[in-house]
Protein backbone atom coordinates (compact mmCIF):
# COMPACT_ATOMS: atom_id res chain seq x y z
CA MET A 1 -157.17 -23.67 161.40
CA PRO A 2 -160.30 -24.10 159.12
CA ARG A 3 -162.02 -27.39 159.23
CA PHE A 4 -161.89 -29.40 156.05
CA THR A 5 -165.19 -30.25 154.23
CA PRO A 6 -165.81 -31.17 150.62
CA PHE A 7 -167.36 -27.67 150.15
CA ARG A 8 -164.54 -26.03 151.82
CA LEU A 9 -162.04 -27.91 149.44
CA ALA A 10 -164.04 -26.68 146.47
CA ALA A 11 -163.99 -23.14 147.96
CA VAL A 12 -160.28 -23.12 148.53
CA CYS A 13 -159.44 -24.51 145.16
CA ALA A 14 -161.63 -21.89 143.86
CA LEU A 15 -159.81 -19.40 145.80
CA ALA A 16 -157.14 -19.87 143.27
CA LEU A 17 -158.28 -21.26 140.05
CA ILE A 18 -156.28 -20.41 136.79
CA THR A 19 -155.66 -22.79 133.92
CA THR A 20 -153.91 -23.45 130.74
CA LEU A 21 -153.40 -19.80 130.60
CA ALA A 22 -153.63 -17.67 127.52
CA PHE A 23 -153.01 -14.16 128.48
CA VAL A 24 -155.29 -11.99 126.37
CA ALA A 25 -154.58 -8.54 127.86
CA GLY A 26 -153.04 -7.03 131.01
CA ALA A 27 -153.96 -3.52 131.77
CA SER A 28 -154.98 -1.42 134.76
CA ALA A 29 -154.63 1.87 136.43
CA LYS A 30 -151.44 2.62 138.37
CA GLY A 31 -150.62 -0.28 140.40
CA PHE A 32 -148.43 -1.19 143.47
CA SER A 33 -146.11 -4.00 144.45
CA ALA A 34 -146.84 -6.77 147.04
CA GLN A 35 -144.70 -9.95 147.97
CA LEU A 36 -145.68 -13.10 146.24
CA ARG A 37 -144.58 -16.54 147.26
CA VAL A 38 -145.85 -19.77 145.66
CA VAL A 39 -145.11 -23.25 147.15
CA GLY A 40 -146.01 -26.20 144.91
CA SER A 41 -145.79 -30.00 145.05
CA GLY A 42 -143.54 -31.49 147.56
CA GLY A 43 -143.06 -28.19 149.35
CA LYS A 44 -140.96 -26.77 146.53
CA THR A 45 -140.83 -22.99 146.33
CA LEU A 46 -141.83 -21.94 142.86
CA PHE A 47 -141.68 -18.16 143.15
CA GLU A 48 -140.72 -15.71 145.93
CA LYS A 49 -140.40 -12.09 145.08
CA PRO A 50 -142.33 -8.69 144.85
CA VAL A 51 -144.74 -8.39 141.93
CA ALA A 52 -146.30 -5.25 140.56
CA THR A 53 -149.90 -5.50 140.31
CA ALA A 54 -152.20 -4.95 137.26
CA THR A 55 -155.47 -6.11 136.14
CA THR A 56 -155.12 -9.35 134.06
CA THR A 57 -157.47 -11.05 131.49
CA LEU A 58 -156.93 -14.70 130.93
CA LYS A 59 -158.83 -17.83 129.92
CA THR A 60 -160.26 -20.42 132.15
CA SER A 61 -159.49 -24.00 131.14
CA PRO A 62 -161.46 -27.21 130.44
CA ASN A 63 -158.34 -29.05 131.98
CA ALA A 64 -159.15 -27.59 135.37
CA LYS A 65 -160.62 -30.87 136.74
CA CYS A 66 -159.74 -30.76 140.46
CA PHE A 67 -163.34 -30.04 141.44
CA GLY A 68 -164.61 -33.10 139.59
CA PRO A 69 -166.65 -33.85 136.51
CA GLY A 70 -168.80 -31.06 135.48
CA ASN A 71 -166.77 -28.26 137.10
CA GLU A 72 -164.16 -27.67 134.57
CA GLY A 73 -163.56 -24.27 133.18
CA SER A 74 -165.57 -22.99 130.26
CA GLY A 75 -162.68 -21.73 128.16
CA GLU A 76 -164.04 -18.22 128.28
CA ALA A 77 -161.87 -15.29 129.26
CA VAL A 78 -161.98 -13.69 132.76
CA THR A 79 -160.68 -10.41 134.18
CA ILE A 80 -158.89 -10.66 137.48
CA PRO A 81 -158.61 -7.37 139.40
CA GLY A 82 -155.09 -6.31 139.88
CA ASN A 83 -155.54 -5.45 143.62
CA SER A 84 -156.58 -9.01 144.42
CA ALA A 85 -154.55 -12.15 145.69
CA LEU A 86 -155.42 -13.91 142.60
CA GLY A 87 -154.52 -11.00 140.38
CA LEU A 88 -151.04 -10.97 141.99
CA LEU A 89 -150.57 -14.74 141.05
CA ALA A 90 -151.74 -14.00 137.54
CA ARG A 91 -149.28 -11.15 137.16
CA GLY A 92 -146.53 -13.32 138.66
CA SER A 93 -147.25 -16.03 136.06
CA ALA A 94 -146.92 -13.44 133.41
CA THR A 95 -143.12 -13.14 134.28
CA SER A 96 -142.19 -16.72 135.57
CA GLY A 97 -142.48 -19.80 133.52
CA ALA A 98 -142.59 -21.78 136.74
CA LEU A 99 -145.93 -20.38 137.32
CA ARG A 100 -147.40 -21.17 134.03
CA PRO A 101 -149.94 -22.40 132.98
CA LEU A 102 -152.46 -21.21 135.60
CA THR A 103 -155.44 -23.59 135.47
CA LEU A 104 -158.69 -21.83 136.57
CA THR A 105 -162.16 -22.81 136.42
CA ASP A 106 -165.29 -20.47 136.22
CA ALA A 107 -167.86 -23.25 137.25
CA PHE A 108 -168.89 -21.74 140.57
CA ASP A 109 -171.09 -18.82 141.56
CA PHE A 110 -168.86 -17.97 144.51
CA GLY A 111 -165.88 -17.31 142.45
CA LEU A 112 -162.92 -18.59 140.28
CA GLY A 113 -161.31 -21.96 141.43
CA LEU A 114 -157.51 -22.67 141.03
CA CYS A 115 -156.36 -26.13 140.08
CA GLY A 116 -152.95 -25.73 138.80
CA VAL A 117 -149.89 -23.53 138.95
CA GLY A 118 -147.34 -24.92 136.34
CA SER A 119 -146.89 -28.54 136.94
CA SER A 120 -148.21 -28.41 140.41
CA VAL A 121 -151.84 -29.48 140.19
CA ALA A 122 -154.44 -29.94 142.94
CA LYS A 123 -155.80 -33.52 143.14
CA GLY A 124 -157.05 -36.09 145.75
CA ALA A 125 -156.58 -34.47 149.25
CA ALA A 126 -154.37 -31.74 148.04
CA SER A 127 -155.66 -28.22 147.24
CA TRP A 128 -154.42 -24.63 146.94
CA TYR A 129 -154.37 -22.63 150.12
CA LEU A 130 -154.21 -18.77 150.18
CA LYS A 131 -152.79 -16.75 153.02
CA VAL A 132 -152.36 -12.99 153.18
CA ASN A 133 -149.99 -11.62 155.83
CA HIS A 134 -150.15 -15.11 157.44
CA LYS A 135 -153.90 -15.20 157.67
CA ALA A 136 -156.29 -17.38 155.59
CA PRO A 137 -159.14 -15.33 154.06
CA SER A 138 -162.57 -16.78 153.69
CA LEU A 139 -163.16 -15.39 150.14
CA GLY A 140 -162.15 -16.47 146.82
CA GLY A 141 -158.66 -15.33 145.58
CA GLU A 142 -159.96 -12.71 143.09
CA LYS A 143 -162.18 -11.13 145.82
CA VAL A 144 -159.36 -10.94 148.40
CA LYS A 145 -158.07 -7.39 148.26
CA ILE A 146 -154.37 -6.69 148.88
CA LYS A 147 -152.43 -3.59 149.75
CA PRO A 148 -148.92 -2.33 149.02
CA GLY A 149 -146.38 -4.47 150.87
CA ASP A 150 -148.78 -7.36 151.67
CA GLU A 151 -147.33 -10.89 151.83
CA VAL A 152 -149.43 -13.19 149.63
CA LEU A 153 -148.78 -16.96 149.87
CA TRP A 154 -150.26 -19.68 147.59
CA ALA A 155 -149.41 -23.15 148.66
CA LEU A 156 -150.56 -26.56 147.51
CA VAL A 157 -151.05 -28.56 150.59
CA LYS A 158 -152.90 -31.53 151.93
CA THR A 159 -155.17 -31.21 154.97
CA VAL A 160 -154.08 -33.00 158.02
CA PRO A 161 -156.20 -35.75 159.63
CA PRO A 162 -158.02 -36.48 161.92
CA LYS A 163 -159.50 -32.99 161.93
CA TYR A 164 -158.44 -32.36 158.33
CA GLU A 165 -157.01 -28.99 159.08
CA TYR A 166 -154.53 -27.04 157.01
CA PRO A 167 -150.85 -27.22 157.93
CA ASP A 168 -149.26 -24.31 159.55
CA GLU A 169 -147.15 -21.74 157.64
CA LEU A 170 -143.61 -21.54 158.91
CA VAL A 171 -141.83 -18.13 159.35
CA LEU A 172 -138.06 -17.99 160.12
CA ALA A 173 -136.79 -15.10 162.31
CA ALA A 174 -133.08 -14.52 161.65
CA PRO A 175 -130.65 -11.53 161.95
CA ALA A 176 -129.80 -9.68 158.79
CA LYS A 177 -126.11 -9.67 159.63
CA ALA A 178 -123.60 -12.07 161.27
CA GLN A 179 -119.91 -12.44 161.70
CA PRO A 180 -117.88 -15.30 160.01
CA GLY A 181 -117.79 -18.21 162.39
CA ALA A 182 -119.82 -16.63 165.14
CA PRO A 183 -122.82 -18.51 166.26
CA PHE A 184 -126.15 -16.69 166.30
CA SER A 185 -129.76 -17.55 167.18
CA VAL A 186 -132.67 -17.99 164.93
CA ARG A 187 -136.30 -18.83 165.71
CA VAL A 188 -139.13 -20.68 163.88
CA TRP A 189 -142.75 -19.82 164.19
CA GLY A 190 -145.73 -21.62 163.06
CA TYR A 191 -148.84 -19.46 161.86
CA ASP A 192 -152.19 -21.13 161.70
CA GLY A 193 -155.12 -20.13 159.48
CA LYS A 194 -156.14 -17.33 161.94
CA GLY A 195 -152.63 -15.85 162.10
CA LYS A 196 -151.87 -17.11 165.55
CA ARG A 197 -148.21 -17.96 165.92
CA THR A 198 -146.55 -20.58 168.07
CA PRO A 199 -142.84 -21.65 168.39
CA VAL A 200 -142.14 -24.83 166.39
CA ALA A 201 -140.04 -27.46 168.02
CA GLY A 202 -138.06 -29.98 165.79
CA ALA A 203 -137.94 -27.71 162.86
CA ARG A 204 -135.05 -27.98 160.47
CA VAL A 205 -133.17 -24.89 159.51
CA THR A 206 -130.44 -24.68 156.93
CA GLY A 207 -127.14 -25.82 158.37
CA ALA A 208 -128.36 -26.07 161.98
CA ALA A 209 -129.62 -28.59 164.52
CA PRO A 210 -133.49 -29.01 164.93
CA THR A 211 -135.20 -26.29 166.95
CA GLY A 212 -135.99 -26.67 170.65
CA LYS A 213 -139.22 -26.29 172.35
CA ASP A 214 -138.98 -22.48 172.15
CA GLY A 215 -138.45 -22.69 168.33
CA ARG A 216 -134.81 -21.62 168.67
CA THR A 217 -131.58 -23.05 167.24
CA MET A 218 -128.16 -21.84 166.62
CA VAL A 219 -126.55 -21.17 163.20
CA THR A 220 -122.95 -20.60 162.35
CA LEU A 221 -121.91 -19.29 158.89
CA ALA A 222 -118.57 -18.83 157.14
CA LYS A 223 -120.12 -17.01 154.14
CA PRO A 224 -123.41 -15.26 153.20
CA ALA A 225 -126.42 -17.60 153.02
CA GLN A 226 -130.19 -17.90 152.29
CA LEU A 227 -131.75 -19.68 155.31
CA ALA A 228 -135.00 -21.40 155.39
CA ALA A 229 -137.03 -23.66 157.79
CA SER A 230 -139.04 -26.84 157.16
CA ASP A 231 -141.13 -29.23 159.40
CA GLY A 232 -142.80 -32.16 157.82
CA ALA A 233 -146.17 -31.35 156.33
CA ASP A 234 -145.98 -27.63 157.33
CA ILE A 235 -145.55 -25.09 154.69
CA PRO A 236 -141.81 -24.17 154.48
CA SER A 237 -140.62 -20.77 155.33
CA ALA A 238 -139.52 -18.07 153.01
CA ARG A 239 -135.78 -17.68 152.54
CA VAL A 240 -134.07 -15.19 154.78
CA ALA A 241 -130.87 -13.50 153.57
CA VAL A 242 -128.04 -13.28 156.20
CA CYS A 243 -125.10 -11.16 155.21
CA VAL A 244 -121.76 -12.33 156.67
CA GLY A 245 -118.62 -10.21 157.02
CA GLY A 246 -120.03 -7.32 155.06
CA LYS A 247 -120.99 -9.46 152.07
CA CYS A 248 -124.58 -10.46 151.19
CA PRO A 249 -126.13 -13.33 149.21
CA ARG A 250 -126.67 -12.72 145.61
């Protein structure tokens, strides 16, 4: 995982900066869809669904204060490319109140910085962390290009001492179908910033005992369910739908 430094914190926040968001216009050429997941304060999932891309214009905000005095947004409008990780977040916020306002600053030469998504705001040791297909890019969010079907994660996280590294992203592997009352195996993986995965021991999975050293545990369902995994400061997994007895979660 990347090492934490004051400059890195600024860069990561800058990866995602969108503030008291006033959408001025949203137009672009024919776009595509990518999966957007946003995890806010306390590990709460704010958004988790596909989003159609489109170039978006919105305003930066003087309330974007997570980078310290003198680094707030100018209040000027900025245009976010639709085929970027930040552009996908901007489009998601246009459809979901949980992602509004986006609090951005344009105070930096290296790109936009993200301070807030809805009521989840970066402060202290917490900053917005971006991953695309389980890997953390080294560019600002508006410069990270995405492709159809990509998985884009924005998570408000705290770096972990003593090395001040970013937490792992959890991914839950589970079958799409199960029989009522029949136990089945699931597995929890943890992905670091480089996209390397390792099994997670002691992770909690919905309705199951903690995972073992190999990241596995058994789940028994009587009805369809959405399963998820969590493990302390790590970024919780996306929900996985499991159909039971021919019926699926709504």
